[in-house]
Amino acid sequence: MNIMEPYIDNLLFETAVPIILVTSHDLHDFKEEPIEFLRRQQDYEMKLSSSKAMIDLVDGLCGYKRTKKD
């Protein structure tokens, strides 16, 4: 973690947030066919998706900080 600490802000705000956020394409697909959109999202998440990996990374970083404070 000591090696990663100088890069955490960049990792979170320049890499993780843009990957996790919903895109305008996602909103359009959801408005057109919400059930099909949700089914595709679930199928996509079954495979290892980049957004799932980023969510796990952010969760791990938050867990590390929480553990360090305790």
PDB file of N, CA and C in Angstrom:
ATOM      1  N   MET A   1       0.823  -1.193   0.000  1.00  0.00           N
ATOM      2  CA  MET A   1       0.000   0.000   0.000  1.00  0.00           C
ATOM      3  C   MET A   1       0.865   1.254   0.000  1.00  0.00           C
ATOM      4  N   ASN A   2       2.021   1.197   0.635  1.00  0.00           N
ATOM      5  CA  ASN A   2       2.916   2.355   0.653  1.00  0.00           C
ATOM      6  C   ASN A   2       3.348   2.751  -0.759  1.00  0.00           C
ATOM      7  N   ILE A   3       3.530   1.771  -1.625  1.00  0.00           N
ATOM      8  CA  ILE A   3       3.914   2.052  -3.005  1.00  0.00           C
ATOM      9  C   ILE A   3       2.749   2.664  -3.773  1.00  0.00           C
ATOM     10  N   MET A   4       1.543   2.204  -3.519  1.00  0.00           N
ATOM     11  CA  MET A   4       0.365   2.690  -4.247  1.00  0.00           C
ATOM     12  C   MET A   4      -0.154   4.031  -3.754  1.00  0.00           C
ATOM     13  N   GLU A   5       0.125   4.369  -2.516  1.00  0.00           N
ATOM     14  CA  GLU A   5      -0.475   5.562  -1.906  1.00  0.00           C
ATOM     15  C   GLU A   5      -0.321   6.852  -2.718  1.00  0.00           C
ATOM     16  N   PRO A   6       0.828   7.144  -3.322  1.00  0.00           N
ATOM     17  CA  PRO A   6       0.925   8.379  -4.111  1.00  0.00           C
ATOM     18  C   PRO A   6       0.024   8.379  -5.362  1.00  0.00           C
ATOM     19  N   TYR A   7      -0.405   7.211  -5.784  1.00  0.00           N
ATOM     20  CA  TYR A   7      -1.193   7.083  -7.013  1.00  0.00           C
ATOM     21  C   TYR A   7      -2.682   6.866  -6.767  1.00  0.00           C
ATOM     22  N   ILE A   8      -3.103   6.814  -5.511  1.00  0.00           N
ATOM     23  CA  ILE A   8      -4.495   6.499  -5.181  1.00  0.00           C
ATOM     24  C   ILE A   8      -5.468   7.506  -5.790  1.00  0.00           C
ATOM     25  N   ASP A   9      -5.199   8.793  -5.658  1.00  0.00           N
ATOM     26  CA  ASP A   9      -6.110   9.804  -6.219  1.00  0.00           C
ATOM     27  C   ASP A   9      -6.277   9.619  -7.720  1.00  0.00           C
ATOM     28  N   ASN A  10      -5.176   9.453  -8.418  1.00  0.00           N
ATOM     29  CA  ASN A  10      -5.235   9.249  -9.862  1.00  0.00           C
ATOM     30  C   ASN A  10      -5.976   7.959 -10.194  1.00  0.00           C
ATOM     31  N   LEU A  11      -5.682   6.912  -9.478  1.00  0.00           N
ATOM     32  CA  LEU A  11      -6.329   5.623  -9.714  1.00  0.00           C
ATOM     33  C   LEU A  11      -7.835   5.713  -9.526  1.00  0.00           C
ATOM     34  N   LEU A  12      -8.254   6.388  -8.468  1.00  0.00           N
ATOM     35  CA  LEU A  12      -9.681   6.492  -8.192  1.00  0.00           C
ATOM     36  C   LEU A  12     -10.396   7.446  -9.138  1.00  0.00           C
ATOM     37  N   PHE A  13      -9.898   8.668  -9.256  1.00  0.00           N
ATOM     38  CA  PHE A  13     -10.641   9.705  -9.976  1.00  0.00           C
ATOM     39  C   PHE A  13     -10.405   9.714 -11.481  1.00  0.00           C
ATOM     40  N   GLU A  14      -9.264   9.235 -11.940  1.00  0.00           N
ATOM     41  CA  GLU A  14      -8.983   9.231 -13.376  1.00  0.00           C
ATOM     42  C   GLU A  14      -9.292   7.884 -14.031  1.00  0.00           C
ATOM     43  N   THR A  15      -9.293   6.813 -13.232  1.00  0.00           N
ATOM     44  CA  THR A  15      -9.485   5.486 -13.809  1.00  0.00           C
ATOM     45  C   THR A  15     -10.770   4.817 -13.329  1.00  0.00           C
ATOM     46  N   ALA A  16     -10.932   4.673 -12.020  1.00  0.00           N
ATOM     47  CA  ALA A  16     -12.061   3.906 -11.490  1.00  0.00           C
ATOM     48  C   ALA A  16     -13.406   4.586 -11.721  1.00  0.00           C
ATOM     49  N   VAL A  17     -13.521   5.854 -11.398  1.00  0.00           N
ATOM     50  CA  VAL A  17     -14.808   6.547 -11.510  1.00  0.00           C
ATOM     51  C   VAL A  17     -15.344   6.540 -12.942  1.00  0.00           C
ATOM     52  N   PRO A  18     -14.536   6.876 -13.955  1.00  0.00           N
ATOM     53  CA  PRO A  18     -15.077   6.816 -15.318  1.00  0.00           C
ATOM     54  C   PRO A  18     -15.533   5.424 -15.748  1.00  0.00           C
ATOM     55  N   ILE A  19     -14.890   4.392 -15.265  1.00  0.00           N
ATOM     56  CA  ILE A  19     -15.293   3.032 -15.625  1.00  0.00           C
ATOM     57  C   ILE A  19     -16.583   2.638 -14.919  1.00  0.00           C
ATOM     58  N   ILE A  20     -16.755   3.067 -13.677  1.00  0.00           N
ATOM     59  CA  ILE A  20     -17.921   2.681 -12.878  1.00  0.00           C
ATOM     60  C   ILE A  20     -19.178   3.456 -13.265  1.00  0.00           C
ATOM     61  N   LEU A  21     -19.027   4.715 -13.672  1.00  0.00           N
ATOM     62  CA  LEU A  21     -20.182   5.559 -13.959  1.00  0.00           C
ATOM     63  C   LEU A  21     -21.028   5.017 -15.108  1.00  0.00           C
ATOM     64  N   VAL A  22     -22.318   5.334 -15.060  1.00  0.00           N
ATOM     65  CA  VAL A  22     -23.249   4.968 -16.116  1.00  0.00           C
ATOM     66  C   VAL A  22     -23.035   5.925 -17.292  1.00  0.00           C
ATOM     67  N   THR A  23     -23.003   5.390 -18.500  1.00  0.00           N
ATOM     68  CA  THR A  23     -22.790   6.210 -19.690  1.00  0.00           C
ATOM     69  C   THR A  23     -24.120   6.630 -20.306  1.00  0.00           C
ATOM     70  N   SER A  24     -24.065   7.581 -21.216  1.00  0.00           N
ATOM     71  CA  SER A  24     -25.281   8.003 -21.916  1.00  0.00           C
ATOM     72  C   SER A  24     -25.825   6.864 -22.770  1.00  0.00           C
ATOM     73  N   HIS A  25     -24.946   6.020 -23.290  1.00  0.00           N
ATOM     74  CA  HIS A  25     -25.388   4.845 -24.051  1.00  0.00           C
ATOM     75  C   HIS A  25     -26.180   3.889 -23.144  1.00  0.00           C
ATOM     76  N   ASP A  26     -25.717   3.700 -21.918  1.00  0.00           N
ATOM     77  CA  ASP A  26     -26.438   2.859 -20.951  1.00  0.00           C
ATOM     78  C   ASP A  26     -27.823   3.427 -20.670  1.00  0.00           C
ATOM     79  N   LEU A  27     -27.905   4.739 -20.479  1.00  0.00           N
ATOM     80  CA  LEU A  27     -29.202   5.373 -20.215  1.00  0.00           C
ATOM     81  C   LEU A  27     -30.158   5.218 -21.391  1.00  0.00           C
ATOM     82  N   HIS A  28     -29.643   5.386 -22.591  1.00  0.00           N
ATOM     83  CA  HIS A  28     -30.472   5.220 -23.784  1.00  0.00           C
ATOM     84  C   HIS A  28     -31.006   3.792 -23.871  1.00  0.00           C
ATOM     85  N   ASP A  29     -30.121   2.813 -23.690  1.00  0.00           N
ATOM     86  CA  ASP A  29     -30.540   1.410 -23.736  1.00  0.00           C
ATOM     87  C   ASP A  29     -31.565   1.093 -22.652  1.00  0.00           C
ATOM     88  N   PHE A  30     -31.366   1.654 -21.471  1.00  0.00           N
ATOM     89  CA  PHE A  30     -32.294   1.406 -20.375  1.00  0.00           C
ATOM     90  C   PHE A  30     -33.675   1.997 -20.669  1.00  0.00           C
ATOM     91  N   LYS A  31     -33.711   3.188 -21.258  1.00  0.00           N
ATOM     92  CA  LYS A  31     -34.993   3.819 -21.590  1.00  0.00           C
ATOM     93  C   LYS A  31     -35.731   3.059 -22.686  1.00  0.00           C
ATOM     94  N   GLU A  32     -34.987   2.520 -23.656  1.00  0.00           N
ATOM     95  CA  GLU A  32     -35.606   1.808 -24.774  1.00  0.00           C
ATOM     96  C   GLU A  32     -36.167   0.452 -24.346  1.00  0.00           C
ATOM     97  N   GLU A  33     -35.346  -0.363 -23.685  1.00  0.00           N
ATOM     98  CA  GLU A  33     -35.764  -1.703 -23.261  1.00  0.00           C
ATOM     99  C   GLU A  33     -35.136  -2.033 -21.912  1.00  0.00           C
ATOM    100  N   PRO A  34     -35.785  -1.635 -20.824  1.00  0.00           N
ATOM    101  CA  PRO A  34     -35.178  -1.818 -19.493  1.00  0.00           C
ATOM    102  C   PRO A  34     -34.925  -3.280 -19.122  1.00  0.00           C
ATOM    103  N   ILE A  35     -35.828  -4.170 -19.464  1.00  0.00           N
ATOM    104  CA  ILE A  35     -35.644  -5.580 -19.084  1.00  0.00           C
ATOM    105  C   ILE A  35     -34.475  -6.187 -19.846  1.00  0.00           C
ATOM    106  N   GLU A  36     -34.390  -5.903 -21.138  1.00  0.00           N
ATOM    107  CA  GLU A  36     -33.268  -6.399 -21.939  1.00  0.00           C
ATOM    108  C   GLU A  36     -31.944  -5.809 -21.452  1.00  0.00           C
ATOM    109  N   PHE A  37     -31.955  -4.533 -21.078  1.00  0.00           N
ATOM    110  CA  PHE A  37     -30.755  -3.885 -20.543  1.00  0.00           C
ATOM    111  C   PHE A  37     -30.287  -4.588 -19.281  1.00  0.00           C
ATOM    112  N   LEU A  38     -31.205  -4.856 -18.361  1.00  0.00           N
ATOM    113  CA  LEU A  38     -30.836  -5.523 -17.111  1.00  0.00           C
ATOM    114  C   LEU A  38     -30.338  -6.940 -17.363  1.00  0.00           C
ATOM    115  N   ARG A  39     -30.945  -7.632 -18.301  1.00  0.00           N
ATOM    116  CA  ARG A  39     -30.496  -8.987 -18.616  1.00  0.00           C
ATOM    117  C   ARG A  39     -29.085  -8.962 -19.192  1.00  0.00           C
ATOM    118  N   ARG A  40     -28.805  -8.004 -20.095  1.00  0.00           N
ATOM    119  CA  ARG A  40     -27.454  -7.876 -20.649  1.00  0.00           C
ATOM    120  C   ARG A  40     -26.442  -7.514 -19.569  1.00  0.00           C
ATOM    121  N   GLN A  41     -26.833  -6.618 -18.661  1.00  0.00           N
ATOM    122  CA  GLN A  41     -25.922  -6.232 -17.569  1.00  0.00           C
ATOM    123  C   GLN A  41     -25.581  -7.447 -16.709  1.00  0.00           C
ATOM    124  N   GLN A  42     -26.589  -8.243 -16.400  1.00  0.00           N
ATOM    125  CA  GLN A  42     -26.352  -9.423 -15.565  1.00  0.00           C
ATOM    126  C   GLN A  42     -25.465 -10.424 -16.299  1.00  0.00           C
ATOM    127  N   ASP A  43     -25.716 -10.655 -17.583  1.00  0.00           N
ATOM    128  CA  ASP A  43     -24.876 -11.570 -18.362  1.00  0.00           C
ATOM    129  C   ASP A  43     -23.444 -11.058 -18.432  1.00  0.00           C
ATOM    130  N   TYR A  44     -23.307  -9.744 -18.616  1.00  0.00           N
ATOM    131  CA  TYR A  44     -21.984  -9.143 -18.713  1.00  0.00           C
ATOM    132  C   TYR A  44     -21.240  -9.246 -17.388  1.00  0.00           C
ATOM    133  N   GLU A  45     -21.970  -9.083 -16.276  1.00  0.00           N
ATOM    134  CA  GLU A  45     -21.331  -9.158 -14.964  1.00  0.00           C
ATOM    135  C   GLU A  45     -20.942 -10.579 -14.603  1.00  0.00           C
ATOM    136  N   MET A  46     -21.604 -11.567 -15.218  1.00  0.00           N
ATOM    137  CA  MET A  46     -21.225 -12.954 -14.973  1.00  0.00           C
ATOM    138  C   MET A  46     -19.796 -13.183 -15.458  1.00  0.00           C
ATOM    139  N   LYS A  47     -19.456 -12.539 -16.575  1.00  0.00           N
ATOM    140  CA  LYS A  47     -18.081 -12.549 -17.043  1.00  0.00           C
ATOM    141  C   LYS A  47     -17.362 -11.491 -16.209  1.00  0.00           C
ATOM    142  N   LEU A  48     -16.072 -11.571 -16.114  1.00  0.00           N
ATOM    143  CA  LEU A  48     -15.341 -10.614 -15.300  1.00  0.00           C
ATOM    144  C   LEU A  48     -15.292  -9.272 -16.026  1.00  0.00           C
ATOM    145  N   SER A  49     -16.137  -8.345 -15.614  1.00  0.00           N
ATOM    146  CA  SER A  49     -16.200  -7.047 -16.272  1.00  0.00           C
ATOM    147  C   SER A  49     -15.237  -6.065 -15.619  1.00  0.00           C
ATOM    148  N   SER A  50     -14.868  -5.041 -16.379  1.00  0.00           N
ATOM    149  CA  SER A  50     -13.934  -4.044 -15.859  1.00  0.00           C
ATOM    150  C   SER A  50     -14.582  -3.226 -14.746  1.00  0.00           C
ATOM    151  N   SER A  51     -15.891  -2.944 -14.864  1.00  0.00           N
ATOM    152  CA  SER A  51     -16.536  -2.167 -13.804  1.00  0.00           C
ATOM    153  C   SER A  51     -16.602  -2.970 -12.503  1.00  0.00           C
ATOM    154  N   LYS A  52     -16.840  -4.266 -12.601  1.00  0.00           N
ATOM    155  CA  LYS A  52     -16.860  -5.107 -11.398  1.00  0.00           C
ATOM    156  C   LYS A  52     -15.472  -5.149 -10.763  1.00  0.00           C
ATOM    157  N   ALA A  53     -14.450  -5.239 -11.581  1.00  0.00           N
ATOM    158  CA  ALA A  53     -13.076  -5.255 -11.063  1.00  0.00           C
ATOM    159  C   ALA A  53     -12.746  -3.936 -10.368  1.00  0.00           C
ATOM    160  N   MET A  54     -13.181  -2.812 -10.937  1.00  0.00           N
ATOM    161  CA  MET A  54     -12.928  -1.506 -10.322  1.00  0.00           C
ATOM    162  C   MET A  54     -13.696  -1.356  -9.013  1.00  0.00           C
ATOM    163  N   ILE A  55     -14.926  -1.831  -8.983  1.00  0.00           N
ATOM    164  CA  ILE A  55     -15.714  -1.764  -7.751  1.00  0.00           C
ATOM    165  C   ILE A  55     -15.031  -2.587  -6.659  1.00  0.00           C
ATOM    166  N   ASP A  56     -14.531  -3.759  -7.014  1.00  0.00           N
ATOM    167  CA  ASP A  56     -13.815  -4.591  -6.050  1.00  0.00           C
ATOM    168  C   ASP A  56     -12.533  -3.905  -5.571  1.00  0.00           C
ATOM    169  N   LEU A  57     -11.833  -3.236  -6.487  1.00  0.00           N
ATOM    170  CA  LEU A  57     -10.611  -2.516  -6.109  1.00  0.00           C
ATOM    171  C   LEU A  57     -10.918  -1.385  -5.132  1.00  0.00           C
ATOM    172  N   VAL A  58     -11.929  -0.571  -5.447  1.00  0.00           N
ATOM    173  CA  VAL A  58     -12.301   0.542  -4.561  1.00  0.00           C
ATOM    174  C   VAL A  58     -12.759   0.006  -3.205  1.00  0.00           C
ATOM    175  N   ASP A  59     -13.527  -1.068  -3.226  1.00  0.00           N
ATOM    176  CA  ASP A  59     -13.975  -1.685  -1.977  1.00  0.00           C
ATOM    177  C   ASP A  59     -12.782  -2.183  -1.158  1.00  0.00           C
ATOM    178  N   GLY A  60     -11.816  -2.787  -1.823  1.00  0.00           N
ATOM    179  CA  GLY A  60     -10.619  -3.261  -1.132  1.00  0.00           C
ATOM    180  C   GLY A  60      -9.803  -2.123  -0.536  1.00  0.00           C
ATOM    181  N   LEU A  61      -9.679  -1.034  -1.284  1.00  0.00           N
ATOM    182  CA  LEU A  61      -8.941   0.127  -0.770  1.00  0.00           C
ATOM    183  C   LEU A  61      -9.652   0.730   0.441  1.00  0.00           C
ATOM    184  N   CYS A  62     -10.967   0.803   0.367  1.00  0.00           N
ATOM    185  CA  CYS A  62     -11.726   1.333   1.512  1.00  0.00           C
ATOM    186  C   CYS A  62     -11.614   0.398   2.706  1.00  0.00           C
ATOM    187  N   GLY A  63     -11.627  -0.891   2.458  1.00  0.00           N
ATOM    188  CA  GLY A  63     -11.467  -1.869   3.538  1.00  0.00           C
ATOM    189  C   GLY A  63     -10.096  -1.780   4.174  1.00  0.00           C
ATOM    190  N   TYR A  64      -9.072  -1.506   3.362  1.00  0.00           N
ATOM    191  CA  TYR A  64      -7.720  -1.363   3.883  1.00  0.00           C
ATOM    192  C   TYR A  64      -7.635  -0.159   4.813  1.00  0.00           C
ATOM    193  N   LYS A  65      -8.201   0.959   4.407  1.00  0.00           N
ATOM    194  CA  LYS A  65      -8.184   2.165   5.249  1.00  0.00           C
ATOM    195  C   LYS A  65      -8.950   1.928   6.544  1.00  0.00           C
ATOM    196  N   ARG A  66     -10.088   1.237   6.434  1.00  0.00           N
ATOM    197  CA  ARG A  66     -10.906   0.943   7.611  1.00  0.00           C
ATOM    198  C   ARG A  66     -10.112   0.064   8.589  1.00  0.00           C
ATOM    199  N   THR A  67      -9.458  -0.964   8.076  1.00  0.00           N
ATOM    200  CA  THR A  67      -8.679  -1.868   8.910  1.00  0.00           C
ATOM    201  C   THR A  67      -7.499  -1.147   9.547  1.00  0.00           C
ATOM    202  N   LYS A  68      -6.867  -0.279   8.774  1.00  0.00           N
ATOM    203  CA  LYS A  68      -5.715   0.464   9.279  1.00  0.00           C
ATOM    204  C   LYS A  68      -6.123   1.372  10.445  1.00  0.00           C
ATOM    205  N   LYS A  69      -7.310   2.002  10.354  1.00  0.00           N
ATOM    206  CA  LYS A  69      -7.770   2.892  11.427  1.00  0.00           C
ATOM    207  C   LYS A  69      -8.137   2.100  12.682  1.00  0.00           C
ATOM    208  N   ASP A  70      -8.717   0.898  12.496  1.00  0.00           N
ATOM    209  CA  ASP A  70      -9.094   0.087  13.658  1.00  0.00           C
ATOM    210  C   ASP A  70      -7.848  -0.382  14.386  1.00  0.00           C
TER     211      ASP A  70
END
